[in-house]
Amino acid sequence: MKVILVSSTGALDIQDVSKSYIHEGQPKLVLSHINVHVAPGEFITVIGPSGCGKSTLLKIVAGLESRDAGTLLLSNKPITGPSQNKGVIFQEHRLFPWQTVEQNIAADLSLKKSDARQKVDAMIELVRLQGFEKAYPKQISGGMAQRVAIARTLLRNPQVLLLDEPFGALDAFTRTHMQEALLDIWQINQTTMLLVTHDIDEAVFLSNRIVVMDAQPGRIKHILPVDLPHPRNRLSSAFQELRTLVLRALEHDPGNSKGASWEI
């Protein structure tokens, strides 16, 4: 069976976005003047310490939280709230336990329609879940459940896929496998992706660019291009050098690091 590719993709522009919360009766700045351009089909990872506002930023882009200031554009159109052109994957798979794998993927589609049936089958093939179509969430692993969640979201043909630490609850082996699966999906579909993570290896393995954030308030310290071809070897010297640069960026200003290429 030939997989039906998802062709919809779009540029994402985050322009001068700031966000504050009320804490003990006073406003507390969480995000300060965030500026990021994500090109169509690009894979961007946001990494930073706990409390830097990276998940808040993702929710703002998804339209799930408001912002105090700034502009958000998807394919040059303002983002005003949740919509089907933005897909969101959380750390919890949020599958319906009473529905099978294929029913969860279909979500609001009717499996009685031939075109819906074909699309669901294509997505099952894309995320490599053939043979588990009739299984329920309790009968599959956590990694498989996340693949179901990704397939369900991609079936809506989003222009951008937003991922909030989707593999954070998985064991190391399953996490590595899911990173490879997500990379395969991205390479086939070329959907624009914005991933929030705290895992440096994950960021280097997946990304075209890595956005490094600082906390209190959350701001962008550096944007690091990842110029490694796929497939990437985690044990290679080039991979380890980039990993070290990201680690230095998280700890302090790496501006004097030899060979660093930073966009600020």
Protein backbone atom coordinates (compact mmCIF):
# COMPACT_ATOMS: atom_id res chain seq x y z
CA MET A 1 0.00 0.00 0.00
CA LYS A 2 1.32 3.45 -0.91
CA VAL A 3 1.38 5.98 1.93
CA ILE A 4 -0.62 9.14 1.26
CA LEU A 5 1.74 11.99 2.01
CA VAL A 6 0.72 15.02 4.00
CA SER A 7 1.46 17.95 1.70
CA SER A 8 0.32 20.87 3.82
CA THR A 9 3.10 22.86 5.43
CA GLY A 10 3.62 26.47 6.37
CA ALA A 11 6.03 29.09 7.65
CA LEU A 12 5.68 30.01 11.32
CA ASP A 13 6.62 33.49 12.51
CA ILE A 14 6.92 34.36 16.21
CA GLN A 15 7.48 38.10 16.43
CA ASP A 16 8.35 39.93 19.66
CA VAL A 17 6.11 37.72 21.81
CA SER A 18 5.99 38.41 25.57
CA LYS A 19 3.92 36.80 28.30
CA SER A 20 3.40 37.44 32.02
CA TYR A 21 1.39 35.84 34.81
CA ILE A 22 0.03 37.32 38.01
CA HIS A 23 2.03 35.97 40.97
CA GLU A 24 1.15 37.08 44.49
CA GLY A 25 -0.77 40.00 43.07
CA GLN A 26 2.10 41.19 40.86
CA PRO A 27 2.82 40.53 37.17
CA LYS A 28 5.71 38.12 36.61
CA LEU A 29 7.33 38.15 33.17
CA VAL A 30 7.58 34.60 31.80
CA LEU A 31 8.57 35.26 28.18
CA SER A 32 10.41 38.34 26.98
CA HIS A 33 10.49 39.45 23.33
CA ILE A 34 10.66 36.04 21.62
CA ASN A 35 11.51 36.16 17.91
CA VAL A 36 11.77 32.99 15.80
CA HIS A 37 11.10 32.31 12.12
CA VAL A 38 10.45 28.68 11.18
CA ALA A 39 10.63 28.05 7.43
CA PRO A 40 8.15 25.71 5.71
CA GLY A 41 9.21 22.13 6.34
CA GLU A 42 11.86 23.09 8.90
CA PHE A 43 12.39 21.17 12.15
CA ILE A 44 13.12 23.52 15.06
CA THR A 45 13.79 22.40 18.63
CA VAL A 46 13.42 24.66 21.68
CA ILE A 47 15.55 23.71 24.66
CA GLY A 48 16.15 25.40 27.99
CA PRO A 49 16.08 24.99 31.77
CA SER A 50 12.89 24.31 33.70
CA GLY A 51 10.86 27.48 34.08
CA CYS A 52 12.20 29.19 30.96
CA GLY A 53 8.72 29.24 29.40
CA LYS A 54 9.33 26.89 26.47
CA SER A 55 6.09 24.95 27.01
CA THR A 56 4.23 28.23 27.54
CA LEU A 57 5.60 29.44 24.21
CA LEU A 58 4.36 26.28 22.49
CA LYS A 59 0.88 26.69 23.99
CA ILE A 60 0.78 30.32 22.84
CA VAL A 61 1.69 29.24 19.30
CA ALA A 62 -1.00 26.54 19.50
CA GLY A 63 -3.55 29.19 20.48
CA LEU A 64 -4.14 27.54 23.86
CA GLU A 65 -2.78 30.49 25.86
CA SER A 66 -2.92 34.24 25.36
CA ARG A 67 0.08 36.55 25.03
CA ASP A 68 0.65 40.05 26.34
CA ALA A 69 2.36 41.36 23.23
CA GLY A 70 3.71 40.26 19.86
CA THR A 71 2.52 38.76 16.60
CA LEU A 72 2.07 35.13 15.55
CA LEU A 73 1.71 34.17 11.90
CA LEU A 74 1.21 30.80 10.20
CA SER A 75 1.55 30.97 6.43
CA ASN A 76 1.36 34.78 6.81
CA LYS A 77 -2.04 34.56 8.52
CA PRO A 78 -2.52 35.66 12.17
CA ILE A 79 -2.86 32.95 14.81
CA THR A 80 -5.89 33.86 16.90
CA GLY A 81 -6.65 30.56 18.64
CA PRO A 82 -6.70 26.77 18.22
CA SER A 83 -7.30 25.53 14.68
CA GLN A 84 -6.92 22.40 12.57
CA ASN A 85 -3.93 23.85 10.72
CA LYS A 86 -1.91 23.45 13.94
CA GLY A 87 -1.38 19.97 15.33
CA VAL A 88 -0.34 19.56 18.98
CA ILE A 89 1.28 16.51 20.62
CA PHE A 90 1.67 16.50 24.41
CA GLN A 91 3.74 14.29 26.72
CA GLU A 92 0.59 12.29 27.50
CA HIS A 93 -0.84 10.56 24.44
CA ARG A 94 -4.45 11.39 25.43
CA LEU A 95 -5.98 8.48 23.52
CA PHE A 96 -9.56 7.37 24.10
CA PRO A 97 -9.23 4.10 26.09
CA TRP A 98 -12.52 2.72 24.75
CA GLN A 99 -11.42 3.08 21.11
CA THR A 100 -9.05 0.93 19.07
CA VAL A 101 -5.87 2.20 17.42
CA GLU A 102 -7.62 2.81 14.11
CA GLN A 103 -10.60 4.48 15.80
CA ASN A 104 -8.30 6.79 17.78
CA ILE A 105 -6.46 7.75 14.61
CA ALA A 106 -9.73 8.39 12.80
CA ALA A 107 -10.90 10.66 15.64
CA ASP A 108 -13.67 12.75 14.07
CA LEU A 109 -13.60 10.87 10.76
CA SER A 110 -16.03 8.11 9.84
CA LEU A 111 -14.39 4.78 9.05
CA LYS A 112 -17.40 3.97 6.86
CA LYS A 113 -16.20 6.43 4.23
CA SER A 114 -13.80 4.86 1.74
CA ASP A 115 -11.51 7.91 1.62
CA ALA A 116 -11.32 8.05 5.42
CA ARG A 117 -10.55 4.33 5.55
CA GLN A 118 -7.73 4.79 3.05
CA LYS A 119 -6.27 7.75 4.97
CA VAL A 120 -6.36 5.87 8.29
CA ASP A 121 -4.68 2.84 6.73
CA ALA A 122 -2.01 5.10 5.24
CA MET A 123 -1.32 6.68 8.60
CA ILE A 124 -1.09 3.28 10.30
CA GLU A 125 1.52 2.33 7.71
CA LEU A 126 3.34 5.65 8.13
CA VAL A 127 3.77 5.16 11.90
CA ARG A 128 4.43 1.42 11.49
CA LEU A 129 1.49 0.06 13.46
CA GLN A 130 0.31 -2.56 10.99
CA GLY A 131 -1.20 -5.48 12.87
CA PHE A 132 -2.31 -3.34 15.82
CA GLU A 133 -5.32 -1.69 14.17
CA LYS A 134 -7.81 -3.44 16.48
CA ALA A 135 -5.75 -3.08 19.67
CA TYR A 136 -6.85 -0.83 22.51
CA PRO A 137 -4.49 1.68 24.23
CA LYS A 138 -4.04 -0.60 27.26
CA GLN A 139 -2.80 -3.35 24.92
CA ILE A 140 0.05 -1.34 23.35
CA SER A 141 3.24 0.26 24.68
CA GLY A 142 3.71 3.92 25.55
CA GLY A 143 5.80 4.49 22.45
CA MET A 144 3.14 2.92 20.23
CA ALA A 145 0.48 5.06 21.89
CA GLN A 146 2.47 8.19 21.04
CA ARG A 147 2.70 7.02 17.44
CA VAL A 148 -1.09 6.73 17.42
CA ALA A 149 -1.33 10.30 18.76
CA ILE A 150 1.04 11.56 16.05
CA ALA A 151 -0.88 9.73 13.33
CA ARG A 152 -4.20 11.12 14.60
CA THR A 153 -2.79 14.64 14.48
CA LEU A 154 -1.18 14.27 11.05
CA LEU A 155 -4.45 12.95 9.62
CA ARG A 156 -5.88 16.45 10.07
CA ASN A 157 -3.22 17.70 7.64
CA PRO A 158 -1.76 20.44 9.86
CA GLN A 159 0.58 23.09 8.46
CA VAL A 160 2.72 22.87 11.59
CA LEU A 161 3.18 20.15 14.20
CA LEU A 162 3.85 21.37 17.76
CA LEU A 163 5.37 18.82 20.14
CA ASP A 164 5.64 19.44 23.88
CA GLU A 165 8.19 16.93 25.24
CA PRO A 166 6.26 14.07 23.60
CA PHE A 167 8.78 11.39 24.62
CA GLY A 168 9.55 12.65 28.13
CA ALA A 169 7.69 9.83 29.89
CA LEU A 170 9.28 7.03 27.86
CA ASP A 171 12.25 4.85 28.80
CA ALA A 172 15.57 5.57 27.09
CA PHE A 173 15.32 2.74 24.54
CA THR A 174 11.75 3.58 23.53
CA ARG A 175 12.59 7.28 23.41
CA THR A 176 15.43 6.65 20.96
CA HIS A 177 13.15 4.53 18.80
CA MET A 178 10.45 7.23 18.83
CA GLN A 179 12.96 9.89 17.84
CA GLU A 180 13.89 7.79 14.82
CA ALA A 181 10.19 7.24 14.00
CA LEU A 182 9.44 10.97 14.23
CA LEU A 183 12.42 11.75 12.01
CA ASP A 184 11.15 9.25 9.43
CA ILE A 185 7.70 10.88 9.50
CA TRP A 186 9.21 14.36 9.11
CA GLN A 187 11.45 13.30 6.22
CA ILE A 188 8.49 11.76 4.38
CA ASN A 189 5.96 14.52 5.05
CA GLN A 190 8.21 17.59 5.43
CA THR A 191 5.66 19.04 7.85
CA THR A 192 6.93 22.13 9.71
CA MET A 193 7.78 21.02 13.26
CA LEU A 194 8.43 22.87 16.52
CA LEU A 195 9.57 20.58 19.34
CA VAL A 196 10.07 21.49 23.01
CA THR A 197 12.52 19.25 24.85
CA HIS A 198 15.00 19.18 27.72
CA ASP A 199 17.07 16.45 26.04
CA ILE A 200 20.21 17.76 24.30
CA ASP A 201 20.82 14.56 22.31
CA GLU A 202 17.23 14.66 21.07
CA ALA A 203 17.64 18.26 19.92
CA VAL A 204 20.86 17.54 18.01
CA PHE A 205 19.53 14.30 16.52
CA LEU A 206 16.33 15.83 15.12
CA SER A 207 16.74 19.53 14.44
CA ASN A 208 17.65 21.82 11.59
CA ARG A 209 18.18 24.52 14.24
CA ILE A 210 18.16 24.58 18.04
CA VAL A 211 16.68 27.52 19.95
CA VAL A 212 18.43 27.82 23.31
CA MET A 213 16.44 29.67 25.98
CA ASP A 214 17.31 31.26 29.29
CA ALA A 215 14.98 31.66 32.28
CA GLN A 216 13.63 34.43 34.52
CA PRO A 217 12.38 35.75 32.24
CA GLY A 218 12.32 33.31 29.35
CA ARG A 219 14.30 34.68 26.45
CA ILE A 220 16.26 33.38 23.49
CA LYS A 221 19.99 33.21 24.18
CA HIS A 222 21.12 31.67 20.90
CA ILE A 223 19.88 29.88 17.81
CA LEU A 224 22.28 27.15 16.73
CA PRO A 225 22.15 25.70 13.19
CA VAL A 226 22.65 21.93 13.01
CA ASP A 227 24.47 21.22 9.77
CA LEU A 228 24.75 17.46 10.13
CA PRO A 229 23.34 15.23 7.36
CA HIS A 230 20.82 12.51 8.13
CA PRO A 231 21.09 9.81 9.30
CA ARG A 232 23.01 11.22 12.26
CA ASN A 233 25.45 9.17 14.27
CA ARG A 234 25.13 10.02 17.97
CA LEU A 235 28.66 8.72 18.60
CA SER A 236 30.36 10.78 15.89
CA SER A 237 32.76 13.57 16.84
CA ALA A 238 30.64 16.15 14.96
CA PHE A 239 27.53 15.14 16.89
CA GLN A 240 29.39 15.30 20.21
CA GLU A 241 30.86 18.72 19.36
CA LEU A 242 27.39 20.12 18.71
CA ARG A 243 26.10 18.51 21.87
CA THR A 244 28.88 20.24 23.81
CA LEU A 245 28.03 23.61 22.22
CA VAL A 246 24.39 23.29 23.25
CA LEU A 247 25.41 22.32 26.78
CA ARG A 248 27.71 25.34 27.00
CA ALA A 249 24.93 27.56 25.68
CA LEU A 250 22.64 26.33 28.44
CA GLU A 251 25.26 26.89 31.11
CA HIS A 252 26.81 30.17 29.96
CA ASP A 253 27.57 32.32 26.91
CA PRO A 254 29.53 30.19 24.42
CA GLY A 255 30.34 33.12 22.16
CA ASN A 256 34.09 32.52 22.38
CA SER A 257 33.85 28.79 21.70
CA LYS A 258 36.03 27.77 18.77
CA GLY A 259 34.02 26.80 15.72
CA ALA A 260 30.68 27.97 17.13
CA SER A 261 28.18 29.39 14.68
CA TRP A 262 25.52 31.39 16.49
CA GLU A 263 22.57 33.39 15.28
CA ILE A 264 21.41 35.87 17.93
